[in-house]
Amino acid sequence: MKTHIAVAAAALLGLTGATQAQTRDSVSVSVSYADLDLAKSGGRGMLERRIGLAIDDVCPTRPLPSELAKMKRFRACRSEAWSGAKQQLAVIYGSRHLAQSAVRVSAKTD
């Protein structure tokens, strides 16, 4: 499962939670942080929790331990999604893109 993450456009604002869009081959979730104060650790922690929940939405559910192939896809999806999110967070926390107010979490489905 190939996962990528890109910063969402400001047009996706308005919700404090996540909005979801689906296409035939991928699932995409925009995670808003418009209501958070990212200068404080509490705001950053809340954004990271929201991203974790968005990753839960775009990646497959945790398979049984005996389902090895599914477990591999599950772990790869989460790892790649978090990797992309961390890159976006570095930019956001570095104050270079605070005008943006959402993080986009996307995953391509099999």
Protein backbone atom coordinates (compact mmCIF):
# COMPACT_ATOMS: atom_id res chain seq x y z
CA MET A 1 0.00 0.00 0.00
CA LYS A 2 1.54 3.26 -1.09
CA THR A 3 0.91 6.20 1.19
CA HIS A 4 1.66 9.84 0.67
CA ILE A 5 0.83 12.99 2.52
CA ALA A 6 0.59 16.56 1.24
CA VAL A 7 -0.31 19.84 2.91
CA ALA A 8 -3.97 20.63 2.19
CA ALA A 9 -5.18 23.91 0.75
CA ALA A 10 -6.75 26.53 2.98
CA ALA A 11 -10.06 25.86 1.21
CA LEU A 12 -10.37 22.69 3.27
CA LEU A 13 -10.84 24.73 6.46
CA GLY A 14 -13.93 24.96 8.53
CA LEU A 15 -13.93 21.71 10.47
CA THR A 16 -12.00 21.11 13.64
CA GLY A 17 -11.89 17.37 13.04
CA ALA A 18 -11.19 15.58 9.80
CA THR A 19 -12.96 15.62 6.47
CA GLN A 20 -12.76 12.63 4.20
CA ALA A 21 -12.79 12.22 0.43
CA GLN A 22 -12.55 8.94 -1.44
CA THR A 23 -11.65 8.07 -4.99
CA ARG A 24 -11.50 4.69 -6.64
CA ASP A 25 -7.86 4.06 -5.70
CA SER A 26 -7.23 6.17 -2.62
CA VAL A 27 -8.60 7.57 0.59
CA SER A 28 -7.73 11.07 1.69
CA VAL A 29 -8.36 12.83 4.99
CA SER A 30 -7.75 16.49 5.75
CA VAL A 31 -6.91 17.22 9.38
CA SER A 32 -7.63 20.81 10.40
CA TYR A 33 -5.56 22.68 12.94
CA ALA A 34 -7.22 26.06 12.45
CA ASP A 35 -8.52 25.97 16.03
CA LEU A 36 -5.19 24.98 17.64
CA ASP A 37 -2.41 27.14 19.07
CA LEU A 38 0.65 25.41 17.65
CA ALA A 39 2.95 27.66 19.67
CA LYS A 40 1.98 25.55 22.70
CA SER A 41 2.82 21.90 23.25
CA GLY A 42 -0.84 21.12 23.99
CA GLY A 43 -1.87 22.35 20.55
CA ARG A 44 0.87 20.36 18.87
CA GLY A 45 -0.06 17.24 20.84
CA MET A 46 -3.71 17.59 19.82
CA LEU A 47 -2.74 17.95 16.14
CA GLU A 48 -0.61 14.82 16.36
CA ARG A 49 -3.49 12.90 17.98
CA ARG A 50 -5.81 14.06 15.20
CA ILE A 51 -3.28 12.89 12.61
CA GLY A 52 -3.10 9.51 14.34
CA LEU A 53 -6.88 9.18 14.10
CA ALA A 54 -6.76 10.20 10.42
CA ILE A 55 -4.15 7.52 9.79
CA ASP A 56 -6.51 5.04 11.47
CA ASP A 57 -9.12 6.10 8.89
CA VAL A 58 -6.95 5.81 5.76
CA CYS A 59 -4.97 2.69 6.63
CA PRO A 60 -6.49 -0.78 6.92
CA THR A 61 -7.70 -1.97 10.29
CA ARG A 62 -5.28 -3.97 12.41
CA PRO A 63 -5.38 -7.57 11.20
CA LEU A 64 -5.14 -10.65 13.36
CA PRO A 65 -1.56 -11.64 14.27
CA SER A 66 -1.92 -14.75 12.11
CA GLU A 67 -2.63 -12.64 8.99
CA LEU A 68 1.00 -11.93 8.15
CA ALA A 69 0.54 -10.41 4.68
CA LYS A 70 -2.19 -8.07 5.94
CA MET A 71 -0.06 -7.16 8.97
CA LYS A 72 2.81 -6.18 6.67
CA ARG A 73 0.53 -3.86 4.63
CA PHE A 74 -0.96 -2.43 7.83
CA ARG A 75 2.45 -1.59 9.29
CA ALA A 76 3.78 -0.21 6.00
CA CYS A 77 0.75 2.04 5.58
CA ARG A 78 1.05 3.47 9.09
CA SER A 79 4.81 3.90 8.84
CA GLU A 80 4.65 5.72 5.52
CA ALA A 81 1.72 7.88 6.64
CA TRP A 82 3.51 8.95 9.83
CA SER A 83 6.70 9.60 7.88
CA GLY A 84 4.88 11.95 5.53
CA ALA A 85 3.00 13.60 8.38
CA LYS A 86 6.23 14.25 10.29
CA GLN A 87 7.66 16.00 7.24
CA GLN A 88 4.61 18.25 7.08
CA LEU A 89 4.71 18.89 10.82
CA ALA A 90 8.36 19.98 10.59
CA VAL A 91 7.36 22.57 8.00
CA ILE A 92 4.29 23.67 9.96
CA TYR A 93 6.11 23.88 13.28
CA GLY A 94 8.91 25.78 11.60
CA SER A 95 6.31 28.54 10.97
CA ARG A 96 6.92 28.51 7.25
CA HIS A 97 3.38 27.44 6.41
CA LEU A 98 1.19 28.58 9.28
CA ALA A 99 -1.12 30.19 6.71
CA GLN A 100 -2.11 26.65 5.80
CA SER A 101 -4.36 25.17 8.41
CA ALA A 102 -4.77 21.51 7.53
CA VAL A 103 -2.65 18.42 7.04
CA ARG A 104 -3.72 15.95 4.36
CA VAL A 105 -3.35 12.24 5.05
CA SER A 106 -3.78 9.99 2.01
CA ALA A 107 -3.40 6.29 1.30
CA LYS A 108 -3.71 4.42 -1.96
CA THR A 109 -5.72 1.26 -1.68
CA ASP A 110 -4.82 -2.04 -3.29
